[in-house]
Each structure stands twice: as C-alpha cells, then as structure tokens.
C-alpha cells in the first residue's frame, strides 16, 4: 500500500484512579484499491461483503478496515501485522466487533469518509467513539434540520466557520452514538450539545443528557474529527502532527 498515508499514535487515558491505553490510527488513500490489495487487507469473511459493494463504497470500506486493523495491530504490538487474519465483524446494530484471540477484551471504533478513515482500538473497560466527516456546504441544510435551537444560538455566538461548526456538532453526536451503540437511530436532540470550549487547536464539547461524556473535535484537512470519551479522562492527541500530515496546523491537551 505504497500510496496509503498512515498515522499511528498510542493514547494514554488517564483517570483519577486508573490508567488505560488506546491506539489511534488515521489513514488516507486517494488512489483506488486493486482487488489484490483488498485481498491482502480483508479477512475472508469480510470479502463476501466487499464484493457486494458498489465501486465507490468498496474504496471507503477497505480504507476503514485497513485503518482499524493497523490500530488493532499496534495496540497488540504485533511485530508483523497480518491484516487479512484480523476479522472486524458487523454486530446487530452494524457496530464493529473484533474477532481475534486476545488476552484482554478489546473494542474498535471506526469512521471513514471517501478516501480518509480513522479508528481507535481501546479496552472494553474504557469506551471511546470516533467520527469524521467532510466540511461540505451541501450538508448544511440536512444538519441544520437536526440541531436544536440552543445549539444554533451556541454556534452563532462563536467565531467558528459556520459549515465547520455544523460538522463539529454532527461528528460529536455521531461519535457519542457509537459509544452508546445506538447509531443515529435515536432522535438526534437526545445527543444535544450544551457547551463548547474553543481552544487554540480544538473544540471540547459536553452533552445535555450524557454528562458523563465529553468530546474533542479538530480539523483533519477538509474534515472534522471528533472523539467522545468519559469526561473524567485526560489524554493528549498530537493534533499538530495529524494536521501536518493530513493538511492543516497545531497539539492538544484534552482535559
């Protein structure tokens, strides 16, 4: 995969009385995958699903699975990752489920949009959710129809670019839905955001109905990435390096 851009970072998840680790991965690839490359990345059980997809969705699916398996391999410190041996199955709510013999319960959260993907491998004891979406004016009306009046006032009172602010709201909600394993099947006002803290290189948000969680959002090129996490967890993401690689600028201390 010579044309694939890959970024890996181990996250230290620090709690008041405990500490965990997680493995973040971002990957992008603008060139189409050849079927031979897909064969080397996908488990035999994933190939059946891959072959049913339309051409454009095939690319996005492989980028997502490649990113997820790199995160899983790095988390488990596999010396020579055999990506095709790792099976990321779909659960009953389409949530990703890792099918791999391991010494501890491990979960994965995945997001992919066109040619770019992100994933986090994390211990079952410490939930995380990630989402990434493109900042796109074509999505403005759809997102506006799903946000609450208080959210509209909140983003109107900030210096944020309007389309980016809307995308931040959307990704924050979708990353929370992944932690809750509800997807977006629950009415979106349930995921309402009630506070935004604008920092130099990221935005930290909290939720009206899920006070135990918080989210950090930042730009990745022309996309917004949000990571939802337990509120009392502290961790650092090297946003500066991610933005350098994928197209922007700055490093975050998430608290």
C-alpha atoms as a PDB file:
ATOM      1  CA  UNK A   1       0.000   0.000   0.000  1.00  0.00           C
ATOM      2  CA  UNK A   2       2.636   2.493  -1.147  1.00  0.00           C
ATOM      3  CA  UNK A   3       0.062   5.228  -1.832  1.00  0.00           C
ATOM      4  CA  UNK A   4      -1.528   4.990   1.619  1.00  0.00           C
ATOM      5  CA  UNK A   5      -0.806   7.659   4.243  1.00  0.00           C
ATOM      6  CA  UNK A   6      -0.773   6.104   7.715  1.00  0.00           C
ATOM      7  CA  UNK A   7      -0.576   7.764  11.146  1.00  0.00           C
ATOM      8  CA  UNK A   8      -0.440   5.811  14.418  1.00  0.00           C
ATOM      9  CA  UNK A   9      -0.439   7.231  17.955  1.00  0.00           C
ATOM     10  CA  UNK A  10      -0.761   5.474  21.293  1.00  0.00           C
ATOM     11  CA  UNK A  11      -3.017   7.420  23.649  1.00  0.00           C
ATOM     12  CA  UNK A  12      -2.545   7.351  27.418  1.00  0.00           C
ATOM     13  CA  UNK A  13      -6.021   7.529  29.001  1.00  0.00           C
ATOM     14  CA  UNK A  14      -5.510   8.913  32.498  1.00  0.00           C
ATOM     15  CA  UNK A  15      -8.297   8.623  35.063  1.00  0.00           C
ATOM     16  CA  UNK A  16      -8.281   9.899  38.664  1.00  0.00           C
ATOM     17  CA  UNK A  17      -7.690   6.349  39.954  1.00  0.00           C
ATOM     18  CA  UNK A  18      -6.600   4.327  36.903  1.00  0.00           C
ATOM     19  CA  UNK A  19      -4.810   4.424  33.558  1.00  0.00           C
ATOM     20  CA  UNK A  20      -5.564   2.782  30.205  1.00  0.00           C
ATOM     21  CA  UNK A  21      -4.106   2.899  26.719  1.00  0.00           C
ATOM     22  CA  UNK A  22      -5.740   3.200  23.313  1.00  0.00           C
ATOM     23  CA  UNK A  23      -4.382   3.162  19.778  1.00  0.00           C
ATOM     24  CA  UNK A  24      -5.404   5.895  17.357  1.00  0.00           C
ATOM     25  CA  UNK A  25      -4.968   5.427  13.608  1.00  0.00           C
ATOM     26  CA  UNK A  26      -5.696   7.742  10.681  1.00  0.00           C
ATOM     27  CA  UNK A  27      -5.232   6.722   7.092  1.00  0.00           C
ATOM     28  CA  UNK A  28      -5.947   8.168   3.674  1.00  0.00           C
ATOM     29  CA  UNK A  29      -5.595   6.966   0.123  1.00  0.00           C
ATOM     30  CA  UNK A  30      -6.773   8.774  -2.971  1.00  0.00           C
ATOM     31  CA  UNK A  31      -5.949   6.023  -5.480  1.00  0.00           C
ATOM     32  CA  UNK A  32      -8.392   3.138  -5.981  1.00  0.00           C
ATOM     33  CA  UNK A  33      -7.570  -0.213  -4.446  1.00  0.00           C
ATOM     34  CA  UNK A  34      -6.818  -3.137  -6.690  1.00  0.00           C
ATOM     35  CA  UNK A  35      -8.669  -6.320  -5.788  1.00  0.00           C
ATOM     36  CA  UNK A  36      -5.333  -7.966  -4.945  1.00  0.00           C
ATOM     37  CA  UNK A  37      -4.700  -5.288  -2.299  1.00  0.00           C
ATOM     38  CA  UNK A  38      -8.168  -5.740  -0.850  1.00  0.00           C
ATOM     39  CA  UNK A  39      -7.460  -9.470  -0.616  1.00  0.00           C
ATOM     40  CA  UNK A  40      -4.365  -8.804   1.494  1.00  0.00           C
ATOM     41  CA  UNK A  41      -6.256  -6.456   3.839  1.00  0.00           C
ATOM     42  CA  UNK A  42      -9.643  -8.130   4.284  1.00  0.00           C
ATOM     43  CA  UNK A  43     -10.485 -11.301   6.174  1.00  0.00           C
ATOM     44  CA  UNK A  44     -12.226 -13.976   4.105  1.00  0.00           C
ATOM     45  CA  UNK A  45     -15.458 -13.199   5.964  1.00  0.00           C
ATOM     46  CA  UNK A  46     -15.159  -9.500   5.024  1.00  0.00           C
ATOM     47  CA  UNK A  47     -14.533 -10.244   1.366  1.00  0.00           C
ATOM     48  CA  UNK A  48     -18.091 -11.503   0.800  1.00  0.00           C
ATOM     49  CA  UNK A  49     -19.447  -8.128   1.975  1.00  0.00           C
ATOM     50  CA  UNK A  50     -16.811  -6.211  -0.016  1.00  0.00           C
ATOM     51  CA  UNK A  51     -17.775  -7.958  -3.268  1.00  0.00           C
ATOM     52  CA  UNK A  52     -21.392  -6.825  -2.908  1.00  0.00           C
ATOM     53  CA  UNK A  53     -20.482  -3.134  -2.599  1.00  0.00           C
ATOM     54  CA  UNK A  54     -20.595  -0.573  -5.380  1.00  0.00           C
ATOM     55  CA  UNK A  55     -17.222   0.657  -6.649  1.00  0.00           C
ATOM     56  CA  UNK A  56     -17.018   3.909  -4.613  1.00  0.00           C
ATOM     57  CA  UNK A  57     -18.104   2.218  -1.378  1.00  0.00           C
ATOM     58  CA  UNK A  58     -15.531  -0.524  -1.878  1.00  0.00           C
ATOM     59  CA  UNK A  59     -12.716   2.024  -1.593  1.00  0.00           C
ATOM     60  CA  UNK A  60     -14.124   3.623   1.565  1.00  0.00           C
ATOM     61  CA  UNK A  61     -14.728   0.207   3.158  1.00  0.00           C
ATOM     62  CA  UNK A  62     -11.159  -1.004   2.551  1.00  0.00           C
ATOM     63  CA  UNK A  63      -9.658   2.282   3.836  1.00  0.00           C
ATOM     64  CA  UNK A  64     -11.739   1.898   7.015  1.00  0.00           C
ATOM     65  CA  UNK A  65     -10.802  -1.738   7.572  1.00  0.00           C
ATOM     66  CA  UNK A  66      -7.121  -1.056   6.817  1.00  0.00           C
ATOM     67  CA  UNK A  67      -7.117   1.776   9.374  1.00  0.00           C
ATOM     68  CA  UNK A  68      -8.914  -0.318  12.018  1.00  0.00           C
ATOM     69  CA  UNK A  69      -6.581  -3.284  11.609  1.00  0.00           C
ATOM     70  CA  UNK A  70      -3.498  -1.104  11.850  1.00  0.00           C
ATOM     71  CA  UNK A  71      -4.865   0.267  15.155  1.00  0.00           C
ATOM     72  CA  UNK A  72      -5.587  -3.255  16.446  1.00  0.00           C
ATOM     73  CA  UNK A  73      -2.142  -4.484  15.377  1.00  0.00           C
ATOM     74  CA  UNK A  74      -0.393  -1.537  17.040  1.00  0.00           C
ATOM     75  CA  UNK A  75      -2.445  -1.932  20.222  1.00  0.00           C
ATOM     76  CA  UNK A  76      -1.428  -5.583  20.452  1.00  0.00           C
ATOM     77  CA  UNK A  77       2.149  -4.738  19.422  1.00  0.00           C
ATOM     78  CA  UNK A  78       2.136  -7.240  16.574  1.00  0.00           C
ATOM     79  CA  UNK A  79       5.637  -7.313  15.083  1.00  0.00           C
ATOM     80  CA  UNK A  80       4.435  -8.149  11.559  1.00  0.00           C
ATOM     81  CA  UNK A  81       0.701  -7.426  11.230  1.00  0.00           C
ATOM     82  CA  UNK A  82      -1.220  -9.942   9.124  1.00  0.00           C
ATOM     83  CA  UNK A  83      -4.188  -7.719   8.327  1.00  0.00           C
ATOM     84  CA  UNK A  84      -6.059 -10.436   6.458  1.00  0.00           C
ATOM     85  CA  UNK A  85      -6.079 -12.590   9.607  1.00  0.00           C
ATOM     86  CA  UNK A  86      -7.956  -9.955  11.616  1.00  0.00           C
ATOM     87  CA  UNK A  87     -11.732 -10.089  11.224  1.00  0.00           C
ATOM     88  CA  UNK A  88     -13.770  -6.991  12.066  1.00  0.00           C
ATOM     89  CA  UNK A  89     -17.335  -8.285  12.003  1.00  0.00           C
ATOM     90  CA  UNK A  90     -20.529  -6.219  11.985  1.00  0.00           C
ATOM     91  CA  UNK A  91     -22.709  -6.519  15.087  1.00  0.00           C
ATOM     92  CA  UNK A  92     -26.507  -6.487  15.112  1.00  0.00           C
ATOM     93  CA  UNK A  93     -26.505  -2.659  15.085  1.00  0.00           C
ATOM     94  CA  UNK A  94     -23.722  -2.541  12.445  1.00  0.00           C
ATOM     95  CA  UNK A  95     -21.161  -1.777  15.162  1.00  0.00           C
ATOM     96  CA  UNK A  96     -17.664  -3.191  14.525  1.00  0.00           C
ATOM     97  CA  UNK A  97     -16.779  -6.286  16.567  1.00  0.00           C
ATOM     98  CA  UNK A  98     -13.217  -7.640  16.701  1.00  0.00           C
ATOM     99  CA  UNK A  99     -12.971 -11.368  16.106  1.00  0.00           C
ATOM    100  CA  UNK A 100      -9.417 -12.098  17.232  1.00  0.00           C
ATOM    101  CA  UNK A 101      -7.953 -14.291  20.001  1.00  0.00           C
ATOM    102  CA  UNK A 102      -6.525 -11.881  22.568  1.00  0.00           C
ATOM    103  CA  UNK A 103      -5.516 -11.593  26.201  1.00  0.00           C
ATOM    104  CA  UNK A 104      -7.934  -8.783  27.076  1.00  0.00           C
ATOM    105  CA  UNK A 105     -11.361  -7.661  25.819  1.00  0.00           C
ATOM    106  CA  UNK A 106     -10.658  -5.192  23.025  1.00  0.00           C
ATOM    107  CA  UNK A 107     -13.014  -2.996  21.021  1.00  0.00           C
ATOM    108  CA  UNK A 108     -12.675  -0.834  17.932  1.00  0.00           C
ATOM    109  CA  UNK A 109     -14.440   2.332  16.757  1.00  0.00           C
ATOM    110  CA  UNK A 110     -14.185   3.156  13.048  1.00  0.00           C
ATOM    111  CA  UNK A 111     -15.122   6.041  10.777  1.00  0.00           C
ATOM    112  CA  UNK A 112     -14.488   6.574   7.075  1.00  0.00           C
ATOM    113  CA  UNK A 113     -15.432   9.285   4.602  1.00  0.00           C
ATOM    114  CA  UNK A 114     -14.437   8.967   0.950  1.00  0.00           C
ATOM    115  CA  UNK A 115     -10.644   8.422   0.880  1.00  0.00           C
ATOM    116  CA  UNK A 116      -9.885   9.018   4.577  1.00  0.00           C
ATOM    117  CA  UNK A 117     -10.519   6.892   7.669  1.00  0.00           C
ATOM    118  CA  UNK A 118      -9.862   6.932  11.402  1.00  0.00           C
ATOM    119  CA  UNK A 119     -10.081   4.241  14.067  1.00  0.00           C
ATOM    120  CA  UNK A 120      -9.306   3.723  17.737  1.00  0.00           C
ATOM    121  CA  UNK A 121      -8.620   0.359  19.374  1.00  0.00           C
ATOM    122  CA  UNK A 122      -9.441   0.531  23.092  1.00  0.00           C
ATOM    123  CA  UNK A 123     -10.007  -1.739  26.097  1.00  0.00           C
ATOM    124  CA  UNK A 124     -13.590  -2.728  26.803  1.00  0.00           C
ATOM    125  CA  UNK A 125     -13.250  -1.173  30.269  1.00  0.00           C
ATOM    126  CA  UNK A 126     -12.827   2.316  28.792  1.00  0.00           C
ATOM    127  CA  UNK A 127     -15.294   3.256  25.996  1.00  0.00           C
ATOM    128  CA  UNK A 128     -14.418   5.628  23.149  1.00  0.00           C
ATOM    129  CA  UNK A 129     -16.134   6.707  19.948  1.00  0.00           C
ATOM    130  CA  UNK A 130     -14.775   8.445  16.839  1.00  0.00           C
ATOM    131  CA  UNK A 131     -16.374  10.098  13.836  1.00  0.00           C
ATOM    132  CA  UNK A 132     -15.014  12.022  10.864  1.00  0.00           C
ATOM    133  CA  UNK A 133     -16.967  13.949   8.251  1.00  0.00           C
ATOM    134  CA  UNK A 134     -16.121  16.288   5.397  1.00  0.00           C
ATOM    135  CA  UNK A 135     -16.903  20.004   5.779  1.00  0.00           C
ATOM    136  CA  UNK A 136     -19.302  20.370   2.882  1.00  0.00           C
ATOM    137  CA  UNK A 137     -21.793  23.126   2.122  1.00  0.00           C
ATOM    138  CA  UNK A 138     -24.060  20.537   0.532  1.00  0.00           C
ATOM    139  CA  UNK A 139     -24.702  19.101   4.005  1.00  0.00           C
ATOM    140  CA  UNK A 140     -25.706  22.377   5.687  1.00  0.00           C
ATOM    141  CA  UNK A 141     -29.480  22.076   5.260  1.00  0.00           C
ATOM    142  CA  UNK A 142     -29.563  18.450   6.388  1.00  0.00           C
ATOM    143  CA  UNK A 143     -27.550  19.161   9.545  1.00  0.00           C
ATOM    144  CA  UNK A 144     -29.489  22.354  10.317  1.00  0.00           C
ATOM    145  CA  UNK A 145     -32.704  20.336  10.284  1.00  0.00           C
ATOM    146  CA  UNK A 146     -31.328  18.077  13.022  1.00  0.00           C
ATOM    147  CA  UNK A 147     -29.878  20.554  15.553  1.00  0.00           C
ATOM    148  CA  UNK A 148     -31.733  22.204  18.418  1.00  0.00           C
ATOM    149  CA  UNK A 149     -32.494  25.905  18.832  1.00  0.00           C
ATOM    150  CA  UNK A 150     -29.976  26.222  21.667  1.00  0.00           C
ATOM    151  CA  UNK A 151     -27.263  24.623  19.512  1.00  0.00           C
ATOM    152  CA  UNK A 152     -27.991  27.134  16.717  1.00  0.00           C
ATOM    153  CA  UNK A 153     -27.566  30.021  19.180  1.00  0.00           C
ATOM    154  CA  UNK A 154     -24.411  28.450  20.596  1.00  0.00           C
ATOM    155  CA  UNK A 155     -22.559  28.209  17.274  1.00  0.00           C
ATOM    156  CA  UNK A 156     -23.852  31.620  16.130  1.00  0.00           C
ATOM    157  CA  UNK A 157     -22.063  33.220  19.105  1.00  0.00           C
ATOM    158  CA  UNK A 158     -18.648  31.794  18.173  1.00  0.00           C
ATOM    159  CA  UNK A 159     -16.003  32.856  15.630  1.00  0.00           C
ATOM    160  CA  UNK A 160     -16.139  29.409  14.021  1.00  0.00           C
ATOM    161  CA  UNK A 161     -16.781  28.980  10.334  1.00  0.00           C
ATOM    162  CA  UNK A 162     -20.475  28.044  10.121  1.00  0.00           C
ATOM    163  CA  UNK A 163     -20.067  24.919   7.991  1.00  0.00           C
ATOM    164  CA  UNK A 164     -17.219  23.682  10.199  1.00  0.00           C
ATOM    165  CA  UNK A 165     -19.279  24.346  13.347  1.00  0.00           C
ATOM    166  CA  UNK A 166     -22.213  22.361  11.987  1.00  0.00           C
ATOM    167  CA  UNK A 167     -19.903  19.489  11.054  1.00  0.00           C
ATOM    168  CA  UNK A 168     -18.401  19.586  14.552  1.00  0.00           C
ATOM    169  CA  UNK A 169     -21.881  19.254  16.087  1.00  0.00           C
ATOM    170  CA  UNK A 170     -22.682  16.327  13.798  1.00  0.00           C
ATOM    171  CA  UNK A 171     -19.453  14.405  14.425  1.00  0.00           C
ATOM    172  CA  UNK A 172     -19.666  14.980  18.182  1.00  0.00           C
ATOM    173  CA  UNK A 173     -23.136  13.442  18.188  1.00  0.00           C
ATOM    174  CA  UNK A 174     -22.242  10.535  15.929  1.00  0.00           C
ATOM    175  CA  UNK A 175     -19.133   9.682  17.979  1.00  0.00           C
ATOM    176  CA  UNK A 176     -21.325   9.640  21.114  1.00  0.00           C
ATOM    177  CA  UNK A 177     -23.839   7.365  19.372  1.00  0.00           C
ATOM    178  CA  UNK A 178     -21.018   4.916  18.684  1.00  0.00           C
ATOM    179  CA  UNK A 179     -20.126   4.726  22.378  1.00  0.00           C
ATOM    180  CA  UNK A 180     -23.796   4.136  23.194  1.00  0.00           C
ATOM    181  CA  UNK A 181     -24.099   1.642  20.303  1.00  0.00           C
ATOM    182  CA  UNK A 182     -27.305   3.294  19.157  1.00  0.00           C
ATOM    183  CA  UNK A 183     -26.040   4.630  15.849  1.00  0.00           C
ATOM    184  CA  UNK A 184     -28.242   7.510  14.726  1.00  0.00           C
ATOM    185  CA  UNK A 185     -31.428   5.501  15.300  1.00  0.00           C
ATOM    186  CA  UNK A 186     -32.225   7.596  18.398  1.00  0.00           C
ATOM    187  CA  UNK A 187     -33.730  11.096  17.867  1.00  0.00           C
ATOM    188  CA  UNK A 188     -30.761  13.467  17.500  1.00  0.00           C
ATOM    189  CA  UNK A 189     -31.976  16.004  20.119  1.00  0.00           C
ATOM    190  CA  UNK A 190     -31.176  13.303  22.699  1.00  0.00           C
ATOM    191  CA  UNK A 191     -27.480  13.880  21.845  1.00  0.00           C
ATOM    192  CA  UNK A 192     -27.784  17.669  22.279  1.00  0.00           C
ATOM    193  CA  UNK A 193     -24.569  19.583  22.978  1.00  0.00           C
ATOM    194  CA  UNK A 194     -24.869  22.156  25.746  1.00  0.00           C
ATOM    195  CA  UNK A 195     -21.368  23.623  25.999  1.00  0.00           C
ATOM    196  CA  UNK A 196     -18.405  24.422  23.739  1.00  0.00           C
ATOM    197  CA  UNK A 197     -14.914  25.321  24.903  1.00  0.00           C
ATOM    198  CA  UNK A 198     -12.930  26.705  21.962  1.00  0.00           C
ATOM    199  CA  UNK A 199      -9.212  26.105  22.360  1.00  0.00           C
ATOM    200  CA  UNK A 200      -6.315  27.052  20.089  1.00  0.00           C
ATOM    201  CA  UNK A 201      -6.438  23.881  18.025  1.00  0.00           C
ATOM    202  CA  UNK A 202      -9.587  22.020  19.035  1.00  0.00           C
ATOM    203  CA  UNK A 203     -13.083  22.330  20.499  1.00  0.00           C
ATOM    204  CA  UNK A 204     -14.166  20.494  23.641  1.00  0.00           C
ATOM    205  CA  UNK A 205     -17.903  19.905  23.986  1.00  0.00           C
ATOM    206  CA  UNK A 206     -20.261  18.387  26.556  1.00  0.00           C
ATOM    207  CA  UNK A 207     -23.732  16.858  26.278  1.00  0.00           C
ATOM    208  CA  UNK A 208     -27.061  17.828  27.850  1.00  0.00           C
ATOM    209  CA  UNK A 209     -28.244  14.268  28.535  1.00  0.00           C
ATOM    210  CA  UNK A 210     -24.916  12.450  28.880  1.00  0.00           C
ATOM    211  CA  UNK A 211     -22.953  14.453  31.428  1.00  0.00           C
ATOM    212  CA  UNK A 212     -20.524  11.554  31.901  1.00  0.00           C
ATOM    213  CA  UNK A 213     -19.092  12.117  28.401  1.00  0.00           C
ATOM    214  CA  UNK A 214     -17.191  14.853  26.611  1.00  0.00           C
ATOM    215  CA  UNK A 215     -15.850  15.196  23.056  1.00  0.00           C
ATOM    216  CA  UNK A 216     -12.789  16.771  21.478  1.00  0.00           C
ATOM    217  CA  UNK A 217     -13.083  17.930  17.853  1.00  0.00           C
ATOM    218  CA  UNK A 218     -10.368  19.104  15.473  1.00  0.00           C
ATOM    219  CA  UNK A 219      -9.728  19.648  11.786  1.00  0.00           C
ATOM    220  CA  UNK A 220      -8.117  16.975   9.634  1.00  0.00           C
ATOM    221  CA  UNK A 221      -7.601  18.717   6.306  1.00  0.00           C
ATOM    222  CA  UNK A 222     -11.092  19.451   4.950  1.00  0.00           C
ATOM    223  CA  UNK A 223     -12.707  17.187   7.552  1.00  0.00           C
ATOM    224  CA  UNK A 224     -13.700  17.413  11.207  1.00  0.00           C
ATOM    225  CA  UNK A 225     -12.788  14.551  13.537  1.00  0.00           C
ATOM    226  CA  UNK A 226     -14.465  14.097  16.933  1.00  0.00           C
ATOM    227  CA  UNK A 227     -13.510  11.705  19.723  1.00  0.00           C
ATOM    228  CA  UNK A 228     -16.041  11.150  22.515  1.00  0.00           C
ATOM    229  CA  UNK A 229     -14.653   9.900  25.826  1.00  0.00           C
ATOM    230  CA  UNK A 230     -15.547   9.637  29.525  1.00  0.00           C
ATOM    231  CA  UNK A 231     -15.455  13.182  30.893  1.00  0.00           C
ATOM    232  CA  UNK A 232     -13.029  12.491  33.736  1.00  0.00           C
ATOM    233  CA  UNK A 233     -10.435  11.016  31.396  1.00  0.00           C
ATOM    234  CA  UNK A 234      -7.447  13.138  30.376  1.00  0.00           C
ATOM    235  CA  UNK A 235      -5.437  12.398  27.241  1.00  0.00           C
ATOM    236  CA  UNK A 236      -3.332  14.117  24.613  1.00  0.00           C
ATOM    237  CA  UNK A 237      -3.679  13.897  20.852  1.00  0.00           C
ATOM    238  CA  UNK A 238      -0.856  15.224  18.697  1.00  0.00           C
ATOM    239  CA  UNK A 239      -3.138  17.359  16.583  1.00  0.00           C
ATOM    240  CA  UNK A 240      -0.197  19.324  15.197  1.00  0.00           C
ATOM    241  CA  UNK A 241       1.311  16.228  13.617  1.00  0.00           C
ATOM    242  CA  UNK A 242      -2.045  14.981  12.322  1.00  0.00           C
ATOM    243  CA  UNK A 243      -2.733  18.335  10.687  1.00  0.00           C
ATOM    244  CA  UNK A 244       0.768  18.480   9.232  1.00  0.00           C
ATOM    245  CA  UNK A 245       0.316  15.082   7.615  1.00  0.00           C
ATOM    246  CA  UNK A 246      -3.301  15.438   6.519  1.00  0.00           C
ATOM    247  CA  UNK A 247      -3.341  19.141   5.716  1.00  0.00           C
ATOM    248  CA  UNK A 248      -3.662  21.847   8.463  1.00  0.00           C
ATOM    249  CA  UNK A 249      -1.775  23.074  11.646  1.00  0.00           C
ATOM    250  CA  UNK A 250      -1.235  22.866  15.780  1.00  0.00           C
ATOM    251  CA  UNK A 251      -1.292  19.786  19.593  1.00  0.00           C
ATOM    252  CA  UNK A 252      -3.993  19.363  22.139  1.00  0.00           C
ATOM    253  CA  UNK A 253      -4.087  18.764  25.825  1.00  0.00           C
ATOM    254  CA  UNK A 254      -7.595  17.379  26.323  1.00  0.00           C
ATOM    255  CA  UNK A 255      -8.964  17.819  29.836  1.00  0.00           C
END
